[in-house]
């Protein structure tokens, strides 16, 4: 019985460690975009990222599909934000919630100034990296 208790505690510690690392990836992604830190995008986002979303239509007020956003465009955007201090976001919505973690994959929800992102991540050795994002503008 004591052996099972120790295994359970170790599993919870690992899960907590993974939750922290998934949160770091999600908040690093936001900070990379908010603060213009392309090194965070490079660290936490996979170069073959698939990011797709929905923007609010000015004509109907409903949501319409928006084109894919590439890794390179995210890097370019973060560099542009870095070069113009007034574009840097402070005090904006910056929230991440871990939804689920398995051995090699995880899901999270991120709330940002632009809306809501659902993020899929994968484990890479001892850290987590963002593979896919689907988002919706507020």
N, C-alpha and C. Protein backbone atom coordinates (compact mmCIF):
# COMPACT_ATOMS: atom_id res chain seq x y z
N UNK A 1 0.83 -1.20 0.00
CA UNK A 1 0.00 0.00 0.00
C UNK A 1 0.88 1.27 0.00
N UNK A 2 1.91 1.27 0.84
CA UNK A 2 2.80 2.43 0.90
C UNK A 2 3.49 2.65 -0.44
N UNK A 3 3.85 1.57 -1.13
CA UNK A 3 4.49 1.65 -2.45
C UNK A 3 3.56 2.36 -3.44
N UNK A 4 2.28 2.02 -3.45
CA UNK A 4 1.31 2.67 -4.34
C UNK A 4 1.16 4.14 -4.01
N UNK A 5 1.19 4.48 -2.75
CA UNK A 5 1.10 5.88 -2.33
C UNK A 5 2.30 6.67 -2.87
N UNK A 6 3.49 6.11 -2.77
CA UNK A 6 4.69 6.78 -3.28
C UNK A 6 4.61 6.96 -4.78
N UNK A 7 4.16 5.94 -5.50
CA UNK A 7 4.00 6.05 -6.96
C UNK A 7 3.00 7.14 -7.29
N UNK A 8 1.88 7.20 -6.56
CA UNK A 8 0.86 8.23 -6.78
C UNK A 8 1.40 9.62 -6.56
N UNK A 9 2.20 9.81 -5.53
CA UNK A 9 2.80 11.12 -5.25
C UNK A 9 3.78 11.49 -6.36
N UNK A 10 4.61 10.54 -6.80
CA UNK A 10 5.55 10.81 -7.89
C UNK A 10 4.80 11.18 -9.18
N UNK A 11 3.70 10.49 -9.48
CA UNK A 11 2.92 10.80 -10.67
C UNK A 11 2.34 12.21 -10.58
N UNK A 12 1.87 12.60 -9.39
CA UNK A 12 1.33 13.95 -9.24
C UNK A 12 2.42 15.00 -9.41
N UNK A 13 3.63 14.73 -8.89
CA UNK A 13 4.74 15.66 -9.05
C UNK A 13 5.07 15.84 -10.53
N UNK A 14 5.10 14.74 -11.29
CA UNK A 14 5.40 14.80 -12.71
C UNK A 14 4.31 15.59 -13.44
N UNK A 15 3.07 15.31 -13.11
CA UNK A 15 1.98 16.03 -13.75
C UNK A 15 2.09 17.53 -13.44
N UNK A 16 2.39 17.87 -12.22
CA UNK A 16 2.54 19.28 -11.85
C UNK A 16 3.70 19.90 -12.63
N UNK A 17 4.81 19.18 -12.75
CA UNK A 17 5.95 19.67 -13.51
C UNK A 17 5.55 19.90 -14.98
N UNK A 18 4.82 18.94 -15.56
CA UNK A 18 4.36 19.09 -16.94
C UNK A 18 3.39 20.26 -17.07
N UNK A 19 2.49 20.41 -16.12
CA UNK A 19 1.56 21.55 -16.17
C UNK A 19 2.32 22.87 -16.17
N UNK A 20 3.34 22.95 -15.34
CA UNK A 20 4.15 24.17 -15.29
C UNK A 20 4.82 24.43 -16.63
N UNK A 21 5.36 23.38 -17.23
CA UNK A 21 6.06 23.53 -18.51
C UNK A 21 5.10 23.86 -19.66
N UNK A 22 3.89 23.30 -19.64
CA UNK A 22 2.89 23.65 -20.65
C UNK A 22 2.49 25.11 -20.47
N UNK A 23 2.30 25.53 -19.22
CA UNK A 23 1.96 26.94 -18.95
C UNK A 23 3.09 27.86 -19.42
N UNK A 24 4.35 27.46 -19.18
CA UNK A 24 5.49 28.27 -19.63
C UNK A 24 5.46 28.45 -21.14
N UNK A 25 5.15 27.38 -21.86
CA UNK A 25 5.09 27.46 -23.32
C UNK A 25 3.98 28.41 -23.76
N UNK A 26 2.81 28.27 -23.16
CA UNK A 26 1.67 29.12 -23.54
C UNK A 26 1.92 30.59 -23.21
N UNK A 27 2.44 30.85 -22.01
CA UNK A 27 2.70 32.24 -21.62
C UNK A 27 3.92 32.79 -22.37
N UNK A 28 4.87 31.95 -22.70
CA UNK A 28 6.01 32.38 -23.53
C UNK A 28 5.54 32.79 -24.92
N UNK A 29 4.62 32.03 -25.47
CA UNK A 29 3.99 32.36 -26.76
C UNK A 29 3.34 33.74 -26.68
N UNK A 30 2.54 33.97 -25.63
CA UNK A 30 1.89 35.28 -25.47
C UNK A 30 2.92 36.39 -25.29
N UNK A 31 3.90 36.17 -24.43
CA UNK A 31 4.90 37.20 -24.18
C UNK A 31 5.72 37.49 -25.44
N UNK A 32 5.98 36.46 -26.23
CA UNK A 32 6.69 36.68 -27.49
C UNK A 32 5.94 37.64 -28.39
N UNK A 33 4.61 37.50 -28.41
CA UNK A 33 3.79 38.38 -29.24
C UNK A 33 3.52 39.72 -28.55
N UNK A 34 3.27 39.70 -27.25
CA UNK A 34 2.97 40.93 -26.51
C UNK A 34 4.19 41.86 -26.39
N UNK A 35 5.35 41.27 -26.10
CA UNK A 35 6.55 42.07 -25.82
C UNK A 35 7.51 42.15 -27.00
N UNK A 36 7.18 41.45 -28.09
CA UNK A 36 8.05 41.48 -29.24
C UNK A 36 9.35 40.72 -29.03
N UNK A 37 9.26 39.59 -28.33
CA UNK A 37 10.44 38.79 -28.04
C UNK A 37 10.44 37.55 -28.93
N UNK A 38 11.09 37.66 -30.08
CA UNK A 38 11.08 36.56 -31.04
C UNK A 38 11.80 35.32 -30.51
N UNK A 39 12.70 35.50 -29.54
CA UNK A 39 13.38 34.33 -28.96
C UNK A 39 12.38 33.41 -28.25
N UNK A 40 11.32 33.97 -27.69
CA UNK A 40 10.28 33.15 -27.04
C UNK A 40 9.46 32.39 -28.08
N UNK A 41 9.19 33.03 -29.21
CA UNK A 41 8.48 32.33 -30.29
C UNK A 41 9.35 31.16 -30.77
N UNK A 42 10.63 31.43 -30.96
CA UNK A 42 11.55 30.38 -31.43
C UNK A 42 11.66 29.24 -30.43
N UNK A 43 11.57 29.56 -29.16
CA UNK A 43 11.70 28.55 -28.11
C UNK A 43 10.44 27.70 -27.97
N UNK A 44 9.26 28.31 -28.05
CA UNK A 44 8.03 27.62 -27.69
C UNK A 44 7.10 27.27 -28.85
N UNK A 45 7.46 27.67 -30.07
CA UNK A 45 6.58 27.41 -31.21
C UNK A 45 7.37 26.61 -32.26
N UNK A 46 6.75 25.56 -32.74
CA UNK A 46 7.38 24.71 -33.75
C UNK A 46 7.40 25.45 -35.10
N UNK A 47 8.52 25.39 -35.84
CA UNK A 47 8.61 26.08 -37.13
C UNK A 47 7.54 25.68 -38.15
N UNK A 48 7.03 24.46 -38.06
CA UNK A 48 5.96 24.06 -39.00
C UNK A 48 4.58 24.22 -38.37
N UNK A 49 4.47 25.21 -37.50
CA UNK A 49 3.21 25.55 -36.83
C UNK A 49 2.05 25.64 -37.82
N UNK A 50 0.89 25.19 -37.37
CA UNK A 50 -0.35 25.40 -38.11
C UNK A 50 -1.24 26.27 -37.22
N UNK A 51 -1.45 27.54 -37.61
CA UNK A 51 -2.29 28.47 -36.85
C UNK A 51 -3.37 29.00 -37.77
N UNK A 52 -4.60 28.79 -37.35
CA UNK A 52 -5.76 29.15 -38.16
C UNK A 52 -6.81 29.74 -37.24
N UNK A 53 -7.61 30.66 -37.75
CA UNK A 53 -8.61 31.25 -36.87
C UNK A 53 -9.78 31.89 -37.57
N UNK A 54 -10.57 32.57 -36.77
CA UNK A 54 -11.80 33.22 -37.22
C UNK A 54 -11.82 34.65 -36.72
N UNK A 55 -12.05 35.58 -37.65
CA UNK A 55 -12.16 36.99 -37.28
C UNK A 55 -13.61 37.43 -37.38
N UNK A 56 -13.91 38.51 -36.69
CA UNK A 56 -15.26 39.05 -36.71
C UNK A 56 -15.48 39.84 -37.99
N UNK A 57 -16.55 39.53 -38.69
CA UNK A 57 -16.90 40.22 -39.92
C UNK A 57 -17.47 41.60 -39.60
N UNK A 58 -16.94 42.62 -40.26
CA UNK A 58 -17.47 43.98 -40.06
C UNK A 58 -18.88 44.12 -40.63
N UNK A 59 -19.16 43.34 -41.67
CA UNK A 59 -20.48 43.43 -42.32
C UNK A 59 -21.58 42.74 -41.51
N UNK A 60 -21.30 41.53 -41.04
CA UNK A 60 -22.36 40.75 -40.39
C UNK A 60 -22.23 40.68 -38.87
N UNK A 61 -21.03 40.95 -38.35
CA UNK A 61 -20.80 40.81 -36.91
C UNK A 61 -20.51 39.37 -36.50
N UNK A 62 -20.72 38.42 -37.43
CA UNK A 62 -20.39 37.02 -37.17
C UNK A 62 -18.92 36.76 -37.43
N UNK A 63 -18.52 35.54 -37.27
CA UNK A 63 -17.12 35.17 -37.50
C UNK A 63 -16.94 34.52 -38.86
N UNK A 64 -15.82 34.86 -39.49
CA UNK A 64 -15.48 34.26 -40.79
C UNK A 64 -14.06 33.70 -40.71
N UNK A 65 -13.75 32.68 -41.49
CA UNK A 65 -12.40 32.10 -41.46
C UNK A 65 -11.34 33.12 -41.85
N UNK A 66 -10.20 33.03 -41.19
CA UNK A 66 -9.04 33.86 -41.50
C UNK A 66 -7.92 32.93 -41.96
N UNK A 67 -7.06 33.40 -42.79
CA UNK A 67 -6.01 32.57 -43.38
C UNK A 67 -5.06 32.00 -42.32
N UNK A 68 -4.27 31.02 -42.75
CA UNK A 68 -3.24 30.46 -41.87
C UNK A 68 -2.21 31.53 -41.55
N UNK A 69 -1.72 31.50 -40.32
CA UNK A 69 -0.64 32.37 -39.90
C UNK A 69 0.59 31.49 -39.74
N UNK A 70 1.68 31.85 -40.38
CA UNK A 70 2.87 31.01 -40.37
C UNK A 70 3.80 31.37 -39.20
N UNK A 71 4.69 30.47 -38.94
CA UNK A 71 5.75 30.68 -37.95
C UNK A 71 6.56 31.93 -38.31
N UNK A 72 6.94 32.05 -39.58
CA UNK A 72 7.71 33.22 -40.02
C UNK A 72 6.94 34.51 -39.77
N UNK A 73 5.63 34.51 -40.03
CA UNK A 73 4.83 35.71 -39.78
C UNK A 73 4.79 36.04 -38.28
N UNK A 74 4.77 35.02 -37.44
CA UNK A 74 4.80 35.27 -35.99
C UNK A 74 6.14 35.89 -35.58
N UNK A 75 7.22 35.37 -36.14
CA UNK A 75 8.55 35.93 -35.85
C UNK A 75 8.61 37.37 -36.34
N UNK A 76 8.17 37.63 -37.56
CA UNK A 76 8.18 38.98 -38.13
C UNK A 76 7.33 39.93 -37.29
N UNK A 77 6.16 39.47 -36.85
CA UNK A 77 5.28 40.30 -36.03
C UNK A 77 5.98 40.65 -34.71
N UNK A 78 6.59 39.65 -34.06
CA UNK A 78 7.24 39.92 -32.78
C UNK A 78 8.40 40.91 -32.96
N UNK A 79 9.12 40.82 -34.07
CA UNK A 79 10.21 41.77 -34.33
C UNK A 79 9.67 43.18 -34.56
N UNK A 80 8.52 43.27 -35.25
CA UNK A 80 7.90 44.58 -35.48
C UNK A 80 7.45 45.19 -34.15
N UNK A 81 6.84 44.38 -33.28
CA UNK A 81 6.42 44.87 -31.96
C UNK A 81 7.64 45.34 -31.17
N UNK A 82 8.73 44.58 -31.25
CA UNK A 82 9.95 44.94 -30.53
C UNK A 82 10.50 46.28 -30.99
N UNK A 83 10.32 46.61 -32.26
CA UNK A 83 10.88 47.85 -32.81
C UNK A 83 10.02 49.09 -32.53
N UNK A 84 8.78 48.88 -32.07
CA UNK A 84 7.88 50.01 -31.82
C UNK A 84 7.32 49.85 -30.40
N UNK A 85 7.90 50.59 -29.44
CA UNK A 85 7.53 50.43 -28.04
C UNK A 85 6.04 50.59 -27.77
N UNK A 86 5.37 51.44 -28.53
CA UNK A 86 3.94 51.65 -28.28
C UNK A 86 3.10 50.43 -28.63
N UNK A 87 3.65 49.48 -29.38
CA UNK A 87 2.91 48.26 -29.72
C UNK A 87 3.01 47.20 -28.63
N UNK A 88 3.97 47.34 -27.72
CA UNK A 88 4.14 46.35 -26.66
C UNK A 88 2.95 46.41 -25.72
N UNK A 89 2.45 45.23 -25.36
CA UNK A 89 1.25 45.13 -24.54
C UNK A 89 1.63 44.88 -23.08
N UNK A 90 1.10 45.70 -22.21
CA UNK A 90 1.24 45.47 -20.77
C UNK A 90 -0.14 45.63 -20.16
N UNK A 91 -0.45 44.83 -19.21
CA UNK A 91 -1.75 44.91 -18.55
C UNK A 91 -2.89 44.35 -19.38
N UNK A 92 -2.58 43.75 -20.51
CA UNK A 92 -3.61 43.14 -21.35
C UNK A 92 -3.99 41.77 -20.81
N UNK A 93 -5.09 41.23 -21.32
CA UNK A 93 -5.50 39.88 -20.96
C UNK A 93 -4.36 38.93 -21.30
N UNK A 94 -3.96 38.12 -20.34
CA UNK A 94 -2.85 37.18 -20.52
C UNK A 94 -3.12 36.00 -19.59
N UNK A 95 -3.85 35.02 -20.09
CA UNK A 95 -4.27 33.91 -19.25
C UNK A 95 -4.12 32.60 -20.01
N UNK A 96 -3.68 31.57 -19.31
CA UNK A 96 -3.57 30.24 -19.91
C UNK A 96 -4.09 29.21 -18.92
N UNK A 97 -4.80 28.24 -19.46
CA UNK A 97 -5.34 27.14 -18.66
C UNK A 97 -4.96 25.84 -19.35
N UNK A 98 -4.34 24.94 -18.59
CA UNK A 98 -4.01 23.63 -19.13
C UNK A 98 -5.29 22.79 -19.10
N UNK A 99 -5.67 22.27 -20.25
CA UNK A 99 -6.90 21.48 -20.35
C UNK A 99 -6.65 19.99 -20.15
N UNK A 100 -5.54 19.49 -20.70
CA UNK A 100 -5.26 18.06 -20.59
C UNK A 100 -3.80 17.81 -20.95
N UNK A 101 -3.22 16.81 -20.29
CA UNK A 101 -1.85 16.42 -20.57
C UNK A 101 -1.80 14.90 -20.62
N UNK A 102 -1.19 14.38 -21.69
CA UNK A 102 -0.89 12.95 -21.81
C UNK A 102 0.62 12.79 -21.75
N UNK A 103 1.10 11.63 -22.14
CA UNK A 103 2.54 11.39 -22.11
C UNK A 103 3.31 12.31 -23.05
N UNK A 104 2.77 12.51 -24.27
CA UNK A 104 3.51 13.28 -25.27
C UNK A 104 2.73 14.45 -25.85
N UNK A 105 1.47 14.59 -25.50
CA UNK A 105 0.66 15.69 -26.05
C UNK A 105 -0.11 16.40 -24.93
N UNK A 106 -0.45 17.65 -25.20
CA UNK A 106 -1.20 18.45 -24.23
C UNK A 106 -2.08 19.43 -24.98
N UNK A 107 -3.11 19.91 -24.27
CA UNK A 107 -4.01 20.93 -24.82
C UNK A 107 -4.17 22.04 -23.79
N UNK A 108 -4.26 23.26 -24.28
CA UNK A 108 -4.42 24.41 -23.40
C UNK A 108 -5.33 25.45 -24.07
N UNK A 109 -5.88 26.31 -23.23
CA UNK A 109 -6.69 27.44 -23.70
C UNK A 109 -5.97 28.71 -23.26
N UNK A 110 -5.81 29.63 -24.21
CA UNK A 110 -5.13 30.89 -23.93
C UNK A 110 -6.09 32.03 -24.25
N UNK A 111 -6.19 32.98 -23.33
CA UNK A 111 -6.97 34.19 -23.57
C UNK A 111 -6.00 35.35 -23.71
N UNK A 112 -6.19 36.12 -24.80
CA UNK A 112 -5.29 37.22 -25.13
C UNK A 112 -6.11 38.43 -25.56
N UNK A 113 -5.43 39.53 -25.86
CA UNK A 113 -6.15 40.74 -26.25
C UNK A 113 -6.94 40.53 -27.54
N UNK A 114 -6.51 39.61 -28.39
CA UNK A 114 -7.20 39.39 -29.67
C UNK A 114 -8.36 38.42 -29.56
N UNK A 115 -8.41 37.62 -28.50
CA UNK A 115 -9.48 36.64 -28.35
C UNK A 115 -9.01 35.39 -27.64
N UNK A 116 -9.48 34.26 -28.11
CA UNK A 116 -9.19 32.97 -27.47
C UNK A 116 -8.46 32.05 -28.43
N UNK A 117 -7.41 31.41 -27.93
CA UNK A 117 -6.65 30.41 -28.69
C UNK A 117 -6.80 29.06 -27.99
N UNK A 118 -7.00 28.02 -28.77
CA UNK A 118 -6.87 26.65 -28.26
C UNK A 118 -5.58 26.13 -28.86
N UNK A 119 -4.72 25.59 -28.00
CA UNK A 119 -3.37 25.24 -28.39
C UNK A 119 -3.11 23.76 -28.16
N UNK A 120 -2.49 23.11 -29.14
CA UNK A 120 -2.03 21.74 -29.01
C UNK A 120 -0.51 21.75 -28.95
N UNK A 121 0.04 21.04 -27.98
CA UNK A 121 1.48 21.00 -27.77
C UNK A 121 1.97 19.56 -27.77
N UNK A 122 3.27 19.40 -27.98
CA UNK A 122 3.88 18.09 -27.88
C UNK A 122 5.15 18.20 -27.02
N UNK A 123 5.47 17.09 -26.36
CA UNK A 123 6.66 17.05 -25.52
C UNK A 123 7.89 16.86 -26.42
N UNK A 124 8.90 17.66 -26.14
CA UNK A 124 10.19 17.55 -26.82
C UNK A 124 11.24 17.41 -25.74
N UNK A 125 11.66 16.17 -25.49
CA UNK A 125 12.60 15.88 -24.41
C UNK A 125 12.03 16.38 -23.09
N UNK A 126 12.58 17.47 -22.54
CA UNK A 126 12.14 17.93 -21.22
C UNK A 126 11.33 19.23 -21.26
N UNK A 127 10.82 19.60 -22.45
CA UNK A 127 9.99 20.80 -22.52
C UNK A 127 8.84 20.57 -23.49
N UNK A 128 7.92 21.51 -23.55
CA UNK A 128 6.73 21.42 -24.40
C UNK A 128 6.79 22.50 -25.46
N UNK A 129 6.32 22.16 -26.67
CA UNK A 129 6.36 23.10 -27.79
C UNK A 129 4.99 23.13 -28.47
N UNK A 130 4.61 24.30 -28.96
CA UNK A 130 3.30 24.50 -29.58
C UNK A 130 3.35 24.04 -31.03
N UNK A 131 2.43 23.14 -31.37
CA UNK A 131 2.34 22.60 -32.73
C UNK A 131 1.20 23.23 -33.53
N UNK A 132 0.06 23.43 -32.88
CA UNK A 132 -1.12 23.93 -33.58
C UNK A 132 -1.88 24.91 -32.70
N UNK A 133 -2.46 25.92 -33.37
CA UNK A 133 -3.29 26.90 -32.69
C UNK A 133 -4.54 27.15 -33.54
N UNK A 134 -5.68 27.11 -32.90
CA UNK A 134 -6.90 27.57 -33.56
C UNK A 134 -7.46 28.67 -32.66
N UNK A 135 -7.84 29.78 -33.27
CA UNK A 135 -8.22 30.95 -32.48
C UNK A 135 -9.49 31.60 -33.01
N UNK A 136 -10.07 32.42 -32.15
CA UNK A 136 -11.26 33.17 -32.53
C UNK A 136 -11.16 34.57 -31.94
N UNK A 137 -11.37 35.56 -32.78
CA UNK A 137 -11.33 36.95 -32.34
C UNK A 137 -12.53 37.23 -31.44
N UNK A 138 -12.32 38.13 -30.47
CA UNK A 138 -13.42 38.49 -29.56
C UNK A 138 -14.54 39.18 -30.31
